[in-house]
C-alpha atoms as a PDB file:
ATOM      1  CA  UNK A   1     -46.442  38.834   9.817  1.00  0.00           C
ATOM      2  CA  UNK A   2     -45.354  37.417  12.743  1.00  0.00           C
ATOM      3  CA  UNK A   3     -44.934  33.814  13.703  1.00  0.00           C
ATOM      4  CA  UNK A   4     -46.070  31.668  16.705  1.00  0.00           C
ATOM      5  CA  UNK A   5     -43.969  29.854  19.072  1.00  0.00           C
ATOM      6  CA  UNK A   6     -46.034  27.041  17.747  1.00  0.00           C
ATOM      7  CA  UNK A   7     -44.264  27.323  14.274  1.00  0.00           C
ATOM      8  CA  UNK A   8     -40.876  28.294  15.419  1.00  0.00           C
ATOM      9  CA  UNK A   9     -40.442  25.069  17.391  1.00  0.00           C
ATOM     10  CA  UNK A  10     -41.775  23.276  14.259  1.00  0.00           C
ATOM     11  CA  UNK A  11     -39.000  24.954  12.423  1.00  0.00           C
ATOM     12  CA  UNK A  12     -36.347  25.469  14.289  1.00  0.00           C
ATOM     13  CA  UNK A  13     -34.420  22.467  13.035  1.00  0.00           C
ATOM     14  CA  UNK A  14     -34.530  23.802  10.032  1.00  0.00           C
ATOM     15  CA  UNK A  15     -33.403  26.930  10.456  1.00  0.00           C
ATOM     16  CA  UNK A  16     -30.959  25.494  12.528  1.00  0.00           C
ATOM     17  CA  UNK A  17     -29.132  23.946   9.477  1.00  0.00           C
ATOM     18  CA  UNK A  18     -29.918  26.339   7.324  1.00  0.00           C
ATOM     19  CA  UNK A  19     -32.351  24.620   5.064  1.00  0.00           C
ATOM     20  CA  UNK A  20     -35.503  27.091   5.324  1.00  0.00           C
ATOM     21  CA  UNK A  21     -36.133  29.767   2.935  1.00  0.00           C
ATOM     22  CA  UNK A  22     -34.798  33.596   3.081  1.00  0.00           C
ATOM     23  CA  UNK A  23     -38.095  34.696   4.093  1.00  0.00           C
ATOM     24  CA  UNK A  24     -38.888  32.023   6.863  1.00  0.00           C
ATOM     25  CA  UNK A  25     -35.448  32.267   8.179  1.00  0.00           C
ATOM     26  CA  UNK A  26     -35.881  36.030   8.735  1.00  0.00           C
ATOM     27  CA  UNK A  27     -39.126  35.763  10.199  1.00  0.00           C
ATOM     28  CA  UNK A  28     -37.730  32.808  12.816  1.00  0.00           C
ATOM     29  CA  UNK A  29     -34.781  35.216  13.343  1.00  0.00           C
ATOM     30  CA  UNK A  30     -36.700  38.058  14.136  1.00  0.00           C
ATOM     31  CA  UNK A  31     -39.004  35.685  16.433  1.00  0.00           C
ATOM     32  CA  UNK A  32     -35.618  34.752  18.186  1.00  0.00           C
ATOM     33  CA  UNK A  33     -34.860  38.286  18.724  1.00  0.00           C
ATOM     34  CA  UNK A  34     -37.856  38.997  21.221  1.00  0.00           C
ATOM     35  CA  UNK A  35     -38.802  35.391  22.706  1.00  0.00           C
ATOM     36  CA  UNK A  36     -36.224  34.020  24.810  1.00  0.00           C
ATOM     37  CA  UNK A  37     -37.685  30.662  25.249  1.00  0.00           C
ATOM     38  CA  UNK A  38     -37.532  29.920  21.785  1.00  0.00           C
ATOM     39  CA  UNK A  39     -34.112  30.488  21.742  1.00  0.00           C
ATOM     40  CA  UNK A  40     -33.545  28.484  24.755  1.00  0.00           C
ATOM     41  CA  UNK A  41     -35.313  25.750  22.072  1.00  0.00           C
ATOM     42  CA  UNK A  42     -32.499  26.471  19.877  1.00  0.00           C
ATOM     43  CA  UNK A  43     -29.440  26.618  22.063  1.00  0.00           C
ATOM     44  CA  UNK A  44     -30.477  23.264  23.392  1.00  0.00           C
ATOM     45  CA  UNK A  45     -31.063  21.843  19.553  1.00  0.00           C
ATOM     46  CA  UNK A  46     -27.196  23.423  19.460  1.00  0.00           C
ATOM     47  CA  UNK A  47     -25.788  21.427  22.314  1.00  0.00           C
ATOM     48  CA  UNK A  48     -27.656  18.127  20.766  1.00  0.00           C
ATOM     49  CA  UNK A  49     -25.840  18.617  17.578  1.00  0.00           C
ATOM     50  CA  UNK A  50     -22.171  19.585  18.911  1.00  0.00           C
ATOM     51  CA  UNK A  51     -22.985  15.846  21.371  1.00  0.00           C
ATOM     52  CA  UNK A  52     -23.688  14.334  18.484  1.00  0.00           C
ATOM     53  CA  UNK A  53     -20.641  15.414  16.159  1.00  0.00           C
ATOM     54  CA  UNK A  54     -18.713  14.836  19.189  1.00  0.00           C
ATOM     55  CA  UNK A  55     -19.905  10.984  19.764  1.00  0.00           C
ATOM     56  CA  UNK A  56     -19.872  10.232  16.067  1.00  0.00           C
ATOM     57  CA  UNK A  57     -16.190  11.751  16.170  1.00  0.00           C
ATOM     58  CA  UNK A  58     -15.655   9.179  19.170  1.00  0.00           C
ATOM     59  CA  UNK A  59     -16.870   6.344  17.287  1.00  0.00           C
ATOM     60  CA  UNK A  60     -14.720   6.753  14.661  1.00  0.00           C
ATOM     61  CA  UNK A  61     -11.358   6.913  16.578  1.00  0.00           C
ATOM     62  CA  UNK A  62     -12.462   4.189  18.435  1.00  0.00           C
ATOM     63  CA  UNK A  63     -13.584   1.692  15.311  1.00  0.00           C
ATOM     64  CA  UNK A  64     -10.255   3.287  13.686  1.00  0.00           C
ATOM     65  CA  UNK A  65      -8.074   2.194  16.711  1.00  0.00           C
ATOM     66  CA  UNK A  66      -9.979  -1.213  17.007  1.00  0.00           C
ATOM     67  CA  UNK A  67      -8.857  -1.903  13.096  1.00  0.00           C
ATOM     68  CA  UNK A  68      -5.685  -1.106  13.625  1.00  0.00           C
ATOM     69  CA  UNK A  69      -5.035  -3.309  16.883  1.00  0.00           C
ATOM     70  CA  UNK A  70      -6.968  -5.880  14.936  1.00  0.00           C
ATOM     71  CA  UNK A  71      -4.233  -5.502  11.769  1.00  0.00           C
ATOM     72  CA  UNK A  72      -1.417  -5.526  14.106  1.00  0.00           C
ATOM     73  CA  UNK A  73      -2.659  -8.954  16.018  1.00  0.00           C
ATOM     74  CA  UNK A  74      -3.046 -10.270  11.958  1.00  0.00           C
ATOM     75  CA  UNK A  75       0.273  -8.990  10.969  1.00  0.00           C
ATOM     76  CA  UNK A  76       2.191 -10.321  13.900  1.00  0.00           C
ATOM     77  CA  UNK A  77       0.204 -14.053  13.449  1.00  0.00           C
ATOM     78  CA  UNK A  78       1.268 -13.590   9.897  1.00  0.00           C
ATOM     79  CA  UNK A  79       4.462 -13.135  10.768  1.00  0.00           C
ATOM     80  CA  UNK A  80       4.905 -16.246  13.090  1.00  0.00           C
ATOM     81  CA  UNK A  81       3.236 -18.096  10.560  1.00  0.00           C
ATOM     82  CA  UNK A  82       5.571 -17.241   7.973  1.00  0.00           C
ATOM     83  CA  UNK A  83       8.804 -17.902  10.424  1.00  0.00           C
ATOM     84  CA  UNK A  84       7.124 -21.411  11.367  1.00  0.00           C
ATOM     85  CA  UNK A  85       6.640 -22.416   7.546  1.00  0.00           C
ATOM     86  CA  UNK A  86      10.022 -21.266   6.587  1.00  0.00           C
ATOM     87  CA  UNK A  87      11.349 -23.351   9.656  1.00  0.00           C
ATOM     88  CA  UNK A  88       9.363 -26.740   8.833  1.00  0.00           C
ATOM     89  CA  UNK A  89      11.091 -26.479   5.261  1.00  0.00           C
ATOM     90  CA  UNK A  90      14.664 -25.356   6.478  1.00  0.00           C
ATOM     91  CA  UNK A  91      13.912 -28.835   8.729  1.00  0.00           C
ATOM     92  CA  UNK A  92      12.330 -30.798   5.586  1.00  0.00           C
ATOM     93  CA  UNK A  93      15.454 -29.915   3.373  1.00  0.00           C
ATOM     94  CA  UNK A  94      17.901 -30.906   6.236  1.00  0.00           C
ATOM     95  CA  UNK A  95      16.424 -34.375   7.031  1.00  0.00           C
ATOM     96  CA  UNK A  96      16.078 -35.215   3.405  1.00  0.00           C
ATOM     97  CA  UNK A  97      18.900 -33.987   2.703  1.00  0.00           C
ATOM     98  CA  UNK A  98      20.758 -35.922   5.243  1.00  0.00           C
ATOM     99  CA  UNK A  99      19.152 -38.965   4.840  1.00  0.00           C
ATOM    100  CA  UNK A 100      19.483 -39.498   1.034  1.00  0.00           C
ATOM    101  CA  UNK A 101      22.884 -37.781   1.082  1.00  0.00           C
ATOM    102  CA  UNK A 102      24.084 -38.470   4.525  1.00  0.00           C
ATOM    103  CA  UNK A 103      25.736 -34.781   4.066  1.00  0.00           C
ATOM    104  CA  UNK A 104      24.314 -31.202   3.570  1.00  0.00           C
ATOM    105  CA  UNK A 105      24.294 -30.916  -0.327  1.00  0.00           C
ATOM    106  CA  UNK A 106      21.544 -29.949  -2.328  1.00  0.00           C
ATOM    107  CA  UNK A 107      19.424 -28.854   0.707  1.00  0.00           C
ATOM    108  CA  UNK A 108      21.949 -26.030   1.390  1.00  0.00           C
ATOM    109  CA  UNK A 109      20.368 -24.119  -1.649  1.00  0.00           C
ATOM    110  CA  UNK A 110      17.274 -23.782  -0.081  1.00  0.00           C
ATOM    111  CA  UNK A 111      17.988 -23.382   3.225  1.00  0.00           C
ATOM    112  CA  UNK A 112      19.821 -20.100   2.223  1.00  0.00           C
ATOM    113  CA  UNK A 113      17.044 -18.824  -0.234  1.00  0.00           C
ATOM    114  CA  UNK A 114      14.582 -19.776   3.077  1.00  0.00           C
ATOM    115  CA  UNK A 115      16.651 -17.380   4.987  1.00  0.00           C
ATOM    116  CA  UNK A 116      17.186 -14.451   2.667  1.00  0.00           C
ATOM    117  CA  UNK A 117      13.449 -14.825   2.504  1.00  0.00           C
ATOM    118  CA  UNK A 118      12.877 -14.758   5.892  1.00  0.00           C
ATOM    119  CA  UNK A 119      14.842 -11.654   6.362  1.00  0.00           C
ATOM    120  CA  UNK A 120      13.636  -9.460   3.116  1.00  0.00           C
ATOM    121  CA  UNK A 121       9.441 -10.733   3.710  1.00  0.00           C
ATOM    122  CA  UNK A 122       9.349 -10.631   7.409  1.00  0.00           C
ATOM    123  CA  UNK A 123       9.567  -6.866   7.886  1.00  0.00           C
ATOM    124  CA  UNK A 124       6.689  -6.566   5.344  1.00  0.00           C
ATOM    125  CA  UNK A 125       4.655  -9.027   6.997  1.00  0.00           C
ATOM    126  CA  UNK A 126       5.209  -7.921  10.316  1.00  0.00           C
ATOM    127  CA  UNK A 127       4.746  -3.933   9.973  1.00  0.00           C
ATOM    128  CA  UNK A 128       2.562  -3.870   6.433  1.00  0.00           C
ATOM    129  CA  UNK A 129       3.013  -0.986   4.381  1.00  0.00           C
ATOM    130  CA  UNK A 130       5.501   0.554   6.687  1.00  0.00           C
ATOM    131  CA  UNK A 131       7.553  -2.711   6.424  1.00  0.00           C
ATOM    132  CA  UNK A 132       8.238  -2.607   2.958  1.00  0.00           C
ATOM    133  CA  UNK A 133      10.660   0.090   2.505  1.00  0.00           C
ATOM    134  CA  UNK A 134      12.567  -1.986   5.699  1.00  0.00           C
ATOM    135  CA  UNK A 135      12.203  -5.062   3.410  1.00  0.00           C
ATOM    136  CA  UNK A 136      13.633  -3.135   0.509  1.00  0.00           C
ATOM    137  CA  UNK A 137      16.715  -1.925   2.556  1.00  0.00           C
ATOM    138  CA  UNK A 138      16.934  -5.648   4.189  1.00  0.00           C
ATOM    139  CA  UNK A 139      17.308  -6.671   0.131  1.00  0.00           C
ATOM    140  CA  UNK A 140      19.436  -3.960  -1.120  1.00  0.00           C
ATOM    141  CA  UNK A 141      21.951  -5.711   1.620  1.00  0.00           C
ATOM    142  CA  UNK A 142      21.426  -9.139   1.648  1.00  0.00           C
ATOM    143  CA  UNK A 143      21.303 -10.022  -1.989  1.00  0.00           C
ATOM    144  CA  UNK A 144      24.542  -9.622  -3.142  1.00  0.00           C
ATOM    145  CA  UNK A 145      25.954 -11.725  -0.058  1.00  0.00           C
ATOM    146  CA  UNK A 146      23.130 -14.599  -0.999  1.00  0.00           C
ATOM    147  CA  UNK A 147      24.177 -14.424  -4.824  1.00  0.00           C
ATOM    148  CA  UNK A 148      27.770 -15.105  -3.225  1.00  0.00           C
ATOM    149  CA  UNK A 149      26.622 -18.108  -1.394  1.00  0.00           C
ATOM    150  CA  UNK A 150      24.647 -19.522  -4.458  1.00  0.00           C
ATOM    151  CA  UNK A 151      27.708 -19.003  -6.149  1.00  0.00           C
ATOM    152  CA  UNK A 152      29.556 -20.848  -3.995  1.00  0.00           C
ATOM    153  CA  UNK A 153      27.341 -23.546  -3.541  1.00  0.00           C
ATOM    154  CA  UNK A 154      26.428 -24.327  -7.184  1.00  0.00           C
ATOM    155  CA  UNK A 155      30.107 -23.671  -8.378  1.00  0.00           C
ATOM    156  CA  UNK A 156      29.277 -22.110 -11.669  1.00  0.00           C
ATOM    157  CA  UNK A 157      32.173 -20.749 -11.852  1.00  0.00           C
ATOM    158  CA  UNK A 158      31.126 -17.210 -10.796  1.00  0.00           C
ATOM    159  CA  UNK A 159      28.382 -17.157 -13.531  1.00  0.00           C
ATOM    160  CA  UNK A 160      25.713 -16.468 -11.112  1.00  0.00           C
ATOM    161  CA  UNK A 161      28.084 -13.690  -8.955  1.00  0.00           C
ATOM    162  CA  UNK A 162      28.860 -11.741 -12.098  1.00  0.00           C
ATOM    163  CA  UNK A 163      25.081 -11.813 -13.938  1.00  0.00           C
ATOM    164  CA  UNK A 164      23.569 -12.014 -10.498  1.00  0.00           C
ATOM    165  CA  UNK A 165      24.672  -8.610  -9.131  1.00  0.00           C
ATOM    166  CA  UNK A 166      24.083  -6.702 -12.383  1.00  0.00           C
ATOM    167  CA  UNK A 167      20.714  -7.778 -12.195  1.00  0.00           C
ATOM    168  CA  UNK A 168      20.078  -7.299  -8.850  1.00  0.00           C
ATOM    169  CA  UNK A 169      21.800  -3.661  -8.909  1.00  0.00           C
ATOM    170  CA  UNK A 170      19.280  -2.859 -11.660  1.00  0.00           C
ATOM    171  CA  UNK A 171      16.259  -4.181  -9.866  1.00  0.00           C
ATOM    172  CA  UNK A 172      17.176  -2.413  -6.660  1.00  0.00           C
ATOM    173  CA  UNK A 173      17.335   0.621  -8.606  1.00  0.00           C
ATOM    174  CA  UNK A 174      13.844   0.033  -9.888  1.00  0.00           C
ATOM    175  CA  UNK A 175      12.664  -0.963  -6.592  1.00  0.00           C
ATOM    176  CA  UNK A 176      13.493   2.069  -5.254  1.00  0.00           C
ATOM    177  CA  UNK A 177      12.132   3.769  -7.939  1.00  0.00           C
ATOM    178  CA  UNK A 178       8.985   2.601  -7.373  1.00  0.00           C
ATOM    179  CA  UNK A 179       9.114   3.424  -3.498  1.00  0.00           C
ATOM    180  CA  UNK A 180      10.046   7.309  -4.845  1.00  0.00           C
ATOM    181  CA  UNK A 181       7.225   7.234  -7.164  1.00  0.00           C
ATOM    182  CA  UNK A 182       4.565   6.741  -4.750  1.00  0.00           C
ATOM    183  CA  UNK A 183       6.049   8.853  -2.210  1.00  0.00           C
ATOM    184  CA  UNK A 184       6.233  11.592  -4.422  1.00  0.00           C
ATOM    185  CA  UNK A 185       2.622  10.509  -5.638  1.00  0.00           C
ATOM    186  CA  UNK A 186       1.314   9.234  -2.598  1.00  0.00           C
ATOM    187  CA  UNK A 187      -2.290  11.009  -3.138  1.00  0.00           C
ATOM    188  CA  UNK A 188      -2.556  10.137  -6.983  1.00  0.00           C
ATOM    189  CA  UNK A 189      -2.311   6.272  -6.494  1.00  0.00           C
ATOM    190  CA  UNK A 190      -3.462   5.648 -10.033  1.00  0.00           C
ATOM    191  CA  UNK A 191      -0.678   8.034 -11.652  1.00  0.00           C
ATOM    192  CA  UNK A 192       1.827   6.207  -9.279  1.00  0.00           C
ATOM    193  CA  UNK A 193       0.801   2.866 -10.338  1.00  0.00           C
ATOM    194  CA  UNK A 194       1.241   3.922 -14.029  1.00  0.00           C
ATOM    195  CA  UNK A 195       4.287   5.337 -14.001  1.00  0.00           C
ATOM    196  CA  UNK A 196       5.593   2.064 -11.950  1.00  0.00           C
ATOM    197  CA  UNK A 197       4.363   0.401 -14.718  1.00  0.00           C
ATOM    198  CA  UNK A 198       6.264   2.301 -17.763  1.00  0.00           C
ATOM    199  CA  UNK A 199       9.191   2.049 -15.653  1.00  0.00           C
ATOM    200  CA  UNK A 200       9.290  -1.753 -16.391  1.00  0.00           C
ATOM    201  CA  UNK A 201       9.893  -1.479 -19.735  1.00  0.00           C
ATOM    202  CA  UNK A 202      13.209   0.459 -19.521  1.00  0.00           C
ATOM    203  CA  UNK A 203      14.080  -1.896 -16.611  1.00  0.00           C
ATOM    204  CA  UNK A 204      13.308  -5.052 -19.033  1.00  0.00           C
ATOM    205  CA  UNK A 205      15.298  -3.403 -22.103  1.00  0.00           C
ATOM    206  CA  UNK A 206      18.111  -2.997 -19.850  1.00  0.00           C
ATOM    207  CA  UNK A 207      17.926  -6.392 -18.421  1.00  0.00           C
ATOM    208  CA  UNK A 208      17.608  -8.107 -21.984  1.00  0.00           C
ATOM    209  CA  UNK A 209      20.444  -6.105 -22.858  1.00  0.00           C
ATOM    210  CA  UNK A 210      23.203  -7.545 -20.185  1.00  0.00           C
ATOM    211  CA  UNK A 211      21.605 -10.957 -20.666  1.00  0.00           C
ATOM    212  CA  UNK A 212      22.048 -10.781 -24.036  1.00  0.00           C
ATOM    213  CA  UNK A 213      25.942  -9.784 -23.968  1.00  0.00           C
ATOM    214  CA  UNK A 214      26.248 -13.191 -21.505  1.00  0.00           C
ATOM    215  CA  UNK A 215      24.496 -15.351 -23.636  1.00  0.00           C
ATOM    216  CA  UNK A 216      25.423 -13.805 -27.274  1.00  0.00           C
ATOM    217  CA  UNK A 217      22.014 -13.630 -28.449  1.00  0.00           C
ATOM    218  CA  UNK A 218      19.009 -11.309 -28.836  1.00  0.00           C
ATOM    219  CA  UNK A 219      16.634 -11.847 -26.229  1.00  0.00           C
ATOM    220  CA  UNK A 220      13.842  -9.259 -27.450  1.00  0.00           C
ATOM    221  CA  UNK A 221      11.042 -11.260 -29.291  1.00  0.00           C
ATOM    222  CA  UNK A 222       7.425 -10.485 -30.509  1.00  0.00           C
ATOM    223  CA  UNK A 223       6.294 -11.676 -26.750  1.00  0.00           C
ATOM    224  CA  UNK A 224       8.189  -8.863 -24.985  1.00  0.00           C
ATOM    225  CA  UNK A 225       6.644  -6.249 -27.753  1.00  0.00           C
ATOM    226  CA  UNK A 226       3.192  -7.449 -26.956  1.00  0.00           C
ATOM    227  CA  UNK A 227       3.926  -7.239 -23.103  1.00  0.00           C
ATOM    228  CA  UNK A 228       5.237  -3.562 -23.065  1.00  0.00           C
ATOM    229  CA  UNK A 229       2.072  -3.186 -25.737  1.00  0.00           C
ATOM    230  CA  UNK A 230      -0.194  -4.317 -22.444  1.00  0.00           C
ATOM    231  CA  UNK A 231       2.027  -2.413 -20.024  1.00  0.00           C
ATOM    232  CA  UNK A 232       1.166   1.006 -21.470  1.00  0.00           C
ATOM    233  CA  UNK A 233      -2.701   0.543 -22.311  1.00  0.00           C
ATOM    234  CA  UNK A 234      -2.638  -0.878 -18.549  1.00  0.00           C
ATOM    235  CA  UNK A 235      -0.750   2.398 -17.655  1.00  0.00           C
ATOM    236  CA  UNK A 236      -3.220   4.285 -19.873  1.00  0.00           C
ATOM    237  CA  UNK A 237      -6.104   3.574 -18.036  1.00  0.00           C
ATOM    238  CA  UNK A 238      -4.842   4.130 -14.619  1.00  0.00           C
ATOM    239  CA  UNK A 239      -3.871   7.488 -15.956  1.00  0.00           C
ATOM    240  CA  UNK A 240      -7.297   8.029 -17.081  1.00  0.00           C
ATOM    241  CA  UNK A 241      -8.682   6.747 -13.681  1.00  0.00           C
ATOM    242  CA  UNK A 242      -6.247   9.296 -12.166  1.00  0.00           C
ATOM    243  CA  UNK A 243      -7.487  12.247 -14.440  1.00  0.00           C
ATOM    244  CA  UNK A 244     -11.202  10.812 -13.887  1.00  0.00           C
ATOM    245  CA  UNK A 245     -10.606  10.924  -9.977  1.00  0.00           C
ATOM    246  CA  UNK A 246      -9.046  14.311  -9.885  1.00  0.00           C
ATOM    247  CA  UNK A 247     -11.899  16.264 -11.798  1.00  0.00           C
ATOM    248  CA  UNK A 248     -14.107  14.558  -9.764  1.00  0.00           C
ATOM    249  CA  UNK A 249     -12.783  16.203  -6.833  1.00  0.00           C
ATOM    250  CA  UNK A 250     -12.538  19.383  -7.900  1.00  0.00           C
ATOM    251  CA  UNK A 251     -16.157  19.184  -9.395  1.00  0.00           C
END
């Protein structure tokens, strides 16, 4: 049974989207093979759909670029504000120390800390996620000189430098390990979080072991065990979320 042009005109959008029944699709196809007018209408519908898709993709690109531009502006403002706050902190310490002591004494500690924090944190604030690796590189390079300066200021018989360097090396290894985990599992953020949390357990044990040797006393107690248990539970939750999301994508 042939169908009229009026019926075909009403059904063309459904036919174009492929949502009409198979018998109806067959009848419309037979009609289109014989009717130039309806074929022309179908072509117009197709062109309109393509134009809408192009427009939607263009709008998405514009919106993404606008968000990226706004983010860059906020990052620049954040980095500038952070720098100003550090400068105010340093200036305040210098003024107070000179007013009270007549020389730079205790203020050298917060001044060196502010300078160190400025070099380390500014890349992450300025460039966001891309700046985290830059901040970690700066931290890895400057942490030992920073500890050396603190050791000279405080004059603690080299204890800060001796203990601090060991702790810093462990911290650097741990932080770079986290970066490697997230780069290797960048499509599975929850699993990366779980692995990073679990890595904190051996990291803490190594730190406790080194500090125990320095003070000749055990630092591991029930609170550490409770903290490790909480870490394991939270990591298990992240692993479950990763499994749930992966299974949902497969389905």
